Amino acid sequence: MEIKSLEDIKEIEMESNAKLIEIMKHSVETVRRNFKVDIFGFGQLIHQTDPKAWKVLKKRLGPHIYEFTD
């Protein structure tokens, strides 16, 4: 693509942002699924602030525990 105007730059920027978001979402999903890791620490935060609620939540979600962090 040839850059001839400010609009061209804005278009490239928008496309780049969309691609970056796609890559980031894919990376997060890959880590969560393959390594079963709470990469944002939501589970740890719930566990620290309300251990009883975490115990119930963890039991209820079982193997799906990492799916609620979308």
PDB file of N, CA and C in Angstrom:
ATOM      1  N   MET A   1       0.843  -1.185   0.000  1.00  0.00           N
ATOM      2  CA  MET A   1       0.000   0.000   0.000  1.00  0.00           C
ATOM      3  C   MET A   1       0.888   1.249   0.000  1.00  0.00           C
ATOM      4  N   GLU A   2       0.525   2.155  -0.834  1.00  0.00           N
ATOM      5  CA  GLU A   2       1.268   3.402  -0.934  1.00  0.00           C
ATOM      6  C   GLU A   2       0.615   4.440  -0.021  1.00  0.00           C
ATOM      7  N   ILE A   3       1.438   5.133   0.732  1.00  0.00           N
ATOM      8  CA  ILE A   3       0.929   6.148   1.651  1.00  0.00           C
ATOM      9  C   ILE A   3       0.954   7.498   0.944  1.00  0.00           C
ATOM     10  N   LYS A   4      -0.247   8.001   0.660  1.00  0.00           N
ATOM     11  CA  LYS A   4      -0.359   9.260  -0.065  1.00  0.00           C
ATOM     12  C   LYS A   4      -1.045  10.345   0.746  1.00  0.00           C
ATOM     13  N   SER A   5      -1.720   9.934   1.810  1.00  0.00           N
ATOM     14  CA  SER A   5      -2.490  10.936   2.554  1.00  0.00           C
ATOM     15  C   SER A   5      -2.626  10.516   4.014  1.00  0.00           C
ATOM     16  N   LEU A   6      -3.166  11.423   4.786  1.00  0.00           N
ATOM     17  CA  LEU A   6      -3.438  11.160   6.200  1.00  0.00           C
ATOM     18  C   LEU A   6      -4.464  10.036   6.344  1.00  0.00           C
ATOM     19  N   GLU A   7      -5.393   9.954   5.416  1.00  0.00           N
ATOM     20  CA  GLU A   7      -6.394   8.890   5.444  1.00  0.00           C
ATOM     21  C   GLU A   7      -5.740   7.518   5.271  1.00  0.00           C
ATOM     22  N   ASP A   8      -4.720   7.450   4.426  1.00  0.00           N
ATOM     23  CA  ASP A   8      -3.991   6.195   4.243  1.00  0.00           C
ATOM     24  C   ASP A   8      -3.323   5.766   5.555  1.00  0.00           C
ATOM     25  N   ILE A   9      -2.738   6.716   6.230  1.00  0.00           N
ATOM     26  CA  ILE A   9      -2.088   6.433   7.516  1.00  0.00           C
ATOM     27  C   ILE A   9      -3.122   5.955   8.537  1.00  0.00           C
ATOM     28  N   LYS A  10      -4.270   6.623   8.583  1.00  0.00           N
ATOM     29  CA  LYS A  10      -5.327   6.223   9.519  1.00  0.00           C
ATOM     30  C   LYS A  10      -5.832   4.814   9.205  1.00  0.00           C
ATOM     31  N   GLU A  11      -5.966   4.495   7.921  1.00  0.00           N
ATOM     32  CA  GLU A  11      -6.426   3.161   7.517  1.00  0.00           C
ATOM     33  C   GLU A  11      -5.421   2.089   7.938  1.00  0.00           C
ATOM     34  N   ILE A  12      -4.150   2.356   7.722  1.00  0.00           N
ATOM     35  CA  ILE A  12      -3.096   1.420   8.128  1.00  0.00           C
ATOM     36  C   ILE A  12      -3.117   1.240   9.640  1.00  0.00           C
ATOM     37  N   GLU A  13      -3.291   2.334  10.357  1.00  0.00           N
ATOM     38  CA  GLU A  13      -3.338   2.277  11.816  1.00  0.00           C
ATOM     39  C   GLU A  13      -4.519   1.437  12.299  1.00  0.00           C
ATOM     40  N   MET A  14      -5.682   1.628  11.701  1.00  0.00           N
ATOM     41  CA  MET A  14      -6.865   0.858  12.092  1.00  0.00           C
ATOM     42  C   MET A  14      -6.672  -0.627  11.804  1.00  0.00           C
ATOM     43  N   GLU A  15      -6.128  -0.950  10.652  1.00  0.00           N
ATOM     44  CA  GLU A  15      -5.880  -2.348  10.295  1.00  0.00           C
ATOM     45  C   GLU A  15      -4.851  -2.969  11.240  1.00  0.00           C
ATOM     46  N   SER A  16      -3.831  -2.207  11.579  1.00  0.00           N
ATOM     47  CA  SER A  16      -2.801  -2.698  12.498  1.00  0.00           C
ATOM     48  C   SER A  16      -3.384  -2.952  13.887  1.00  0.00           C
ATOM     49  N   ASN A  17      -4.217  -2.035  14.351  1.00  0.00           N
ATOM     50  CA  ASN A  17      -4.854  -2.199  15.658  1.00  0.00           C
ATOM     51  C   ASN A  17      -5.733  -3.446  15.681  1.00  0.00           C
ATOM     52  N   ALA A  18      -6.509  -3.653  14.648  1.00  0.00           N
ATOM     53  CA  ALA A  18      -7.388  -4.824  14.574  1.00  0.00           C
ATOM     54  C   ALA A  18      -6.559  -6.110  14.586  1.00  0.00           C
ATOM     55  N   LYS A  19      -5.472  -6.137  13.840  1.00  0.00           N
ATOM     56  CA  LYS A  19      -4.614  -7.328  13.789  1.00  0.00           C
ATOM     57  C   LYS A  19      -3.958  -7.577  15.139  1.00  0.00           C
ATOM     58  N   LEU A  20      -3.513  -6.518  15.795  1.00  0.00           N
ATOM     59  CA  LEU A  20      -2.885  -6.655  17.111  1.00  0.00           C
ATOM     60  C   LEU A  20      -3.874  -7.220  18.131  1.00  0.00           C
ATOM     61  N   ILE A  21      -5.102  -6.738  18.116  1.00  0.00           N
ATOM     62  CA  ILE A  21      -6.137  -7.246  19.019  1.00  0.00           C
ATOM     63  C   ILE A  21      -6.384  -8.721  18.745  1.00  0.00           C
ATOM     64  N   GLU A  22      -6.451  -9.091  17.489  1.00  0.00           N
ATOM     65  CA  GLU A  22      -6.655 -10.494  17.111  1.00  0.00           C
ATOM     66  C   GLU A  22      -5.517 -11.370  17.641  1.00  0.00           C
ATOM     67  N   ILE A  23      -4.289 -10.916  17.493  1.00  0.00           N
ATOM     68  CA  ILE A  23      -3.117 -11.665  17.967  1.00  0.00           C
ATOM     69  C   ILE A  23      -3.154 -11.796  19.488  1.00  0.00           C
ATOM     70  N   MET A  24      -3.485 -10.721  20.173  1.00  0.00           N
ATOM     71  CA  MET A  24      -3.534 -10.743  21.634  1.00  0.00           C
ATOM     72  C   MET A  24      -4.618 -11.698  22.137  1.00  0.00           C
ATOM     73  N   LYS A  25      -5.801 -11.652  21.537  1.00  0.00           N
ATOM     74  CA  LYS A  25      -6.881 -12.557  21.936  1.00  0.00           C
ATOM     75  C   LYS A  25      -6.473 -14.009  21.719  1.00  0.00           C
ATOM     76  N   HIS A  26      -5.864 -14.277  20.580  1.00  0.00           N
ATOM     77  CA  HIS A  26      -5.418 -15.635  20.284  1.00  0.00           C
ATOM     78  C   HIS A  26      -4.368 -16.095  21.302  1.00  0.00           C
ATOM     79  N   SER A  27      -3.454 -15.220  21.655  1.00  0.00           N
ATOM     80  CA  SER A  27      -2.404 -15.556  22.621  1.00  0.00           C
ATOM     81  C   SER A  27      -2.993 -15.879  23.985  1.00  0.00           C
ATOM     82  N   VAL A  28      -3.919 -15.049  24.441  1.00  0.00           N
ATOM     83  CA  VAL A  28      -4.563 -15.276  25.739  1.00  0.00           C
ATOM     84  C   VAL A  28      -5.306 -16.610  25.725  1.00  0.00           C
ATOM     85  N   GLU A  29      -6.052 -16.848  24.681  1.00  0.00           N
ATOM     86  CA  GLU A  29      -6.820 -18.092  24.573  1.00  0.00           C
ATOM     87  C   GLU A  29      -5.895 -19.303  24.561  1.00  0.00           C
ATOM     88  N   THR A  30      -4.799 -19.233  23.828  1.00  0.00           N
ATOM     89  CA  THR A  30      -3.847 -20.329  23.750  1.00  0.00           C
ATOM     90  C   THR A  30      -3.251 -20.641  25.119  1.00  0.00           C
ATOM     91  N   VAL A  31      -2.836 -19.614  25.829  1.00  0.00           N
ATOM     92  CA  VAL A  31      -2.250 -19.821  27.159  1.00  0.00           C
ATOM     93  C   VAL A  31      -3.280 -20.416  28.110  1.00  0.00           C
ATOM     94  N   ARG A  32      -4.493 -19.867  28.102  1.00  0.00           N
ATOM     95  CA  ARG A  32      -5.541 -20.378  28.998  1.00  0.00           C
ATOM     96  C   ARG A  32      -5.860 -21.834  28.711  1.00  0.00           C
ATOM     97  N   ARG A  33      -6.030 -22.187  27.462  1.00  0.00           N
ATOM     98  CA  ARG A  33      -6.426 -23.551  27.098  1.00  0.00           C
ATOM     99  C   ARG A  33      -5.282 -24.555  27.268  1.00  0.00           C
ATOM    100  N   ASN A  34      -4.109 -24.226  26.785  1.00  0.00           N
ATOM    101  CA  ASN A  34      -3.001 -25.180  26.791  1.00  0.00           C
ATOM    102  C   ASN A  34      -2.332 -25.334  28.150  1.00  0.00           C
ATOM    103  N   PHE A  35      -2.265 -24.246  28.909  1.00  0.00           N
ATOM    104  CA  PHE A  35      -1.539 -24.291  30.172  1.00  0.00           C
ATOM    105  C   PHE A  35      -2.444 -24.187  31.394  1.00  0.00           C
ATOM    106  N   LYS A  36      -3.744 -24.003  31.162  1.00  0.00           N
ATOM    107  CA  LYS A  36      -4.730 -23.906  32.247  1.00  0.00           C
ATOM    108  C   LYS A  36      -4.269 -22.899  33.300  1.00  0.00           C
ATOM    109  N   VAL A  37      -3.994 -21.693  32.844  1.00  0.00           N
ATOM    110  CA  VAL A  37      -3.471 -20.642  33.702  1.00  0.00           C
ATOM    111  C   VAL A  37      -4.440 -19.467  33.743  1.00  0.00           C
ATOM    112  N   ASP A  38      -4.644 -18.941  34.936  1.00  0.00           N
ATOM    113  CA  ASP A  38      -5.456 -17.744  35.127  1.00  0.00           C
ATOM    114  C   ASP A  38      -4.521 -16.541  34.951  1.00  0.00           C
ATOM    115  N   ILE A  39      -4.248 -16.174  33.700  1.00  0.00           N
ATOM    116  CA  ILE A  39      -3.203 -15.189  33.426  1.00  0.00           C
ATOM    117  C   ILE A  39      -3.530 -13.789  33.923  1.00  0.00           C
ATOM    118  N   PHE A  40      -4.807 -13.506  34.173  1.00  0.00           N
ATOM    119  CA  PHE A  40      -5.173 -12.185  34.678  1.00  0.00           C
ATOM    120  C   PHE A  40      -5.311 -12.166  36.189  1.00  0.00           C
ATOM    121  N   GLY A  41      -5.260 -13.328  36.812  1.00  0.00           N
ATOM    122  CA  GLY A  41      -5.302 -13.404  38.265  1.00  0.00           C
ATOM    123  C   GLY A  41      -6.676 -13.232  38.880  1.00  0.00           C
ATOM    124  N   PHE A  42      -7.739 -13.448  38.112  1.00  0.00           N
ATOM    125  CA  PHE A  42      -9.086 -13.294  38.654  1.00  0.00           C
ATOM    126  C   PHE A  42      -9.352 -14.287  39.783  1.00  0.00           C
ATOM    127  N   GLY A  43      -8.957 -15.527  39.566  1.00  0.00           N
ATOM    128  CA  GLY A  43      -9.152 -16.546  40.589  1.00  0.00           C
ATOM    129  C   GLY A  43      -8.396 -16.212  41.856  1.00  0.00           C
ATOM    130  N   GLN A  44      -7.167 -15.750  41.715  1.00  0.00           N
ATOM    131  CA  GLN A  44      -6.360 -15.371  42.881  1.00  0.00           C
ATOM    132  C   GLN A  44      -7.006 -14.217  43.639  1.00  0.00           C
ATOM    133  N   LEU A  45      -7.531 -13.252  42.910  1.00  0.00           N
ATOM    134  CA  LEU A  45      -8.188 -12.111  43.544  1.00  0.00           C
ATOM    135  C   LEU A  45      -9.421 -12.548  44.319  1.00  0.00           C
ATOM    136  N   ILE A  46     -10.242 -13.408  43.719  1.00  0.00           N
ATOM    137  CA  ILE A  46     -11.436 -13.911  44.415  1.00  0.00           C
ATOM    138  C   ILE A  46     -11.011 -14.724  45.633  1.00  0.00           C
ATOM    139  N   HIS A  47     -10.001 -15.562  45.450  1.00  0.00           N
ATOM    140  CA  HIS A  47      -9.512 -16.389  46.561  1.00  0.00           C
ATOM    141  C   HIS A  47      -9.031 -15.527  47.729  1.00  0.00           C
ATOM    142  N   GLN A  48      -8.335 -14.454  47.436  1.00  0.00           N
ATOM    143  CA  GLN A  48      -7.805 -13.576  48.488  1.00  0.00           C
ATOM    144  C   GLN A  48      -8.903 -12.780  49.178  1.00  0.00           C
ATOM    145  N   THR A  49      -9.861 -12.302  48.404  1.00  0.00           N
ATOM    146  CA  THR A  49     -10.889 -11.429  48.987  1.00  0.00           C
ATOM    147  C   THR A  49     -12.039 -12.200  49.614  1.00  0.00           C
ATOM    148  N   ASP A  50     -12.333 -13.397  49.101  1.00  0.00           N
ATOM    149  CA  ASP A  50     -13.451 -14.186  49.628  1.00  0.00           C
ATOM    150  C   ASP A  50     -13.171 -15.673  49.429  1.00  0.00           C
ATOM    151  N   PRO A  51     -12.339 -16.251  50.289  1.00  0.00           N
ATOM    152  CA  PRO A  51     -11.948 -17.655  50.132  1.00  0.00           C
ATOM    153  C   PRO A  51     -13.133 -18.626  50.086  1.00  0.00           C
ATOM    154  N   LYS A  52     -14.173 -18.351  50.842  1.00  0.00           N
ATOM    155  CA  LYS A  52     -15.339 -19.245  50.839  1.00  0.00           C
ATOM    156  C   LYS A  52     -16.032 -19.219  49.472  1.00  0.00           C
ATOM    157  N   ALA A  53     -16.197 -18.037  48.919  1.00  0.00           N
ATOM    158  CA  ALA A  53     -16.824 -17.920  47.597  1.00  0.00           C
ATOM    159  C   ALA A  53     -15.963 -18.616  46.549  1.00  0.00           C
ATOM    160  N   TRP A  54     -14.641 -18.466  46.659  1.00  0.00           N
ATOM    161  CA  TRP A  54     -13.742 -19.106  45.706  1.00  0.00           C
ATOM    162  C   TRP A  54     -13.870 -20.624  45.763  1.00  0.00           C
ATOM    163  N   LYS A  55     -13.969 -21.159  46.973  1.00  0.00           N
ATOM    164  CA  LYS A  55     -14.090 -22.602  47.139  1.00  0.00           C
ATOM    165  C   LYS A  55     -15.352 -23.120  46.435  1.00  0.00           C
ATOM    166  N   VAL A  56     -16.464 -22.404  46.596  1.00  0.00           N
ATOM    167  CA  VAL A  56     -17.723 -22.778  45.953  1.00  0.00           C
ATOM    168  C   VAL A  56     -17.608 -22.629  44.436  1.00  0.00           C
ATOM    169  N   LEU A  57     -17.064 -21.504  43.997  1.00  0.00           N
ATOM    170  CA  LEU A  57     -16.925 -21.234  42.565  1.00  0.00           C
ATOM    171  C   LEU A  57     -16.033 -22.263  41.886  1.00  0.00           C
ATOM    172  N   LYS A  58     -14.920 -22.556  42.505  1.00  0.00           N
ATOM    173  CA  LYS A  58     -13.976 -23.513  41.940  1.00  0.00           C
ATOM    174  C   LYS A  58     -14.621 -24.896  41.808  1.00  0.00           C
ATOM    175  N   LYS A  59     -15.362 -25.298  42.834  1.00  0.00           N
ATOM    176  CA  LYS A  59     -16.035 -26.600  42.803  1.00  0.00           C
ATOM    177  C   LYS A  59     -17.124 -26.622  41.728  1.00  0.00           C
ATOM    178  N   ARG A  60     -17.872 -25.528  41.622  1.00  0.00           N
ATOM    179  CA  ARG A  60     -18.977 -25.451  40.672  1.00  0.00           C
ATOM    180  C   ARG A  60     -18.482 -25.462  39.224  1.00  0.00           C
ATOM    181  N   LEU A  61     -17.403 -24.744  38.957  1.00  0.00           N
ATOM    182  CA  LEU A  61     -16.899 -24.648  37.583  1.00  0.00           C
ATOM    183  C   LEU A  61     -16.074 -25.855  37.170  1.00  0.00           C
ATOM    184  N   GLY A  62     -15.432 -26.495  38.131  1.00  0.00           N
ATOM    185  CA  GLY A  62     -14.636 -27.690  37.832  1.00  0.00           C
ATOM    186  C   GLY A  62     -13.640 -27.451  36.719  1.00  0.00           C
ATOM    187  N   PRO A  63     -13.650 -28.296  35.688  1.00  0.00           N
ATOM    188  CA  PRO A  63     -12.663 -28.169  34.614  1.00  0.00           C
ATOM    189  C   PRO A  63     -12.876 -26.910  33.755  1.00  0.00           C
ATOM    190  N   HIS A  64     -13.984 -26.230  33.937  1.00  0.00           N
ATOM    191  CA  HIS A  64     -14.260 -25.028  33.153  1.00  0.00           C
ATOM    192  C   HIS A  64     -13.799 -23.751  33.860  1.00  0.00           C
ATOM    193  N   ILE A  65     -13.023 -23.897  34.906  1.00  0.00           N
ATOM    194  CA  ILE A  65     -12.614 -22.771  35.747  1.00  0.00           C
ATOM    195  C   ILE A  65     -11.930 -21.665  34.961  1.00  0.00           C
ATOM    196  N   TYR A  66     -11.202 -21.998  33.908  1.00  0.00           N
ATOM    197  CA  TYR A  66     -10.468 -20.987  33.152  1.00  0.00           C
ATOM    198  C   TYR A  66     -11.283 -20.365  32.025  1.00  0.00           C
ATOM    199  N   GLU A  67     -12.506 -20.839  31.823  1.00  0.00           N
ATOM    200  CA  GLU A  67     -13.334 -20.314  30.744  1.00  0.00           C
ATOM    201  C   GLU A  67     -14.059 -19.031  31.132  1.00  0.00           C
ATOM    202  N   PHE A  68     -14.139 -18.710  32.421  1.00  0.00           N
ATOM    203  CA  PHE A  68     -14.914 -17.538  32.835  1.00  0.00           C
ATOM    204  C   PHE A  68     -14.096 -16.254  32.781  1.00  0.00           C
ATOM    205  N   THR A  69     -12.880 -16.290  32.319  1.00  0.00           N
ATOM    206  CA  THR A  69     -12.037 -15.102  32.320  1.00  0.00           C
ATOM    207  C   THR A  69     -12.062 -14.352  30.994  1.00  0.00           C
ATOM    208  N   ASP A  70     -13.062 -14.558  30.167  1.00  0.00           N
ATOM    209  CA  ASP A  70     -13.170 -13.832  28.888  1.00  0.00           C
ATOM    210  C   ASP A  70     -13.407 -12.359  29.116  1.00  0.00           C
TER     211      ASP A  70
END
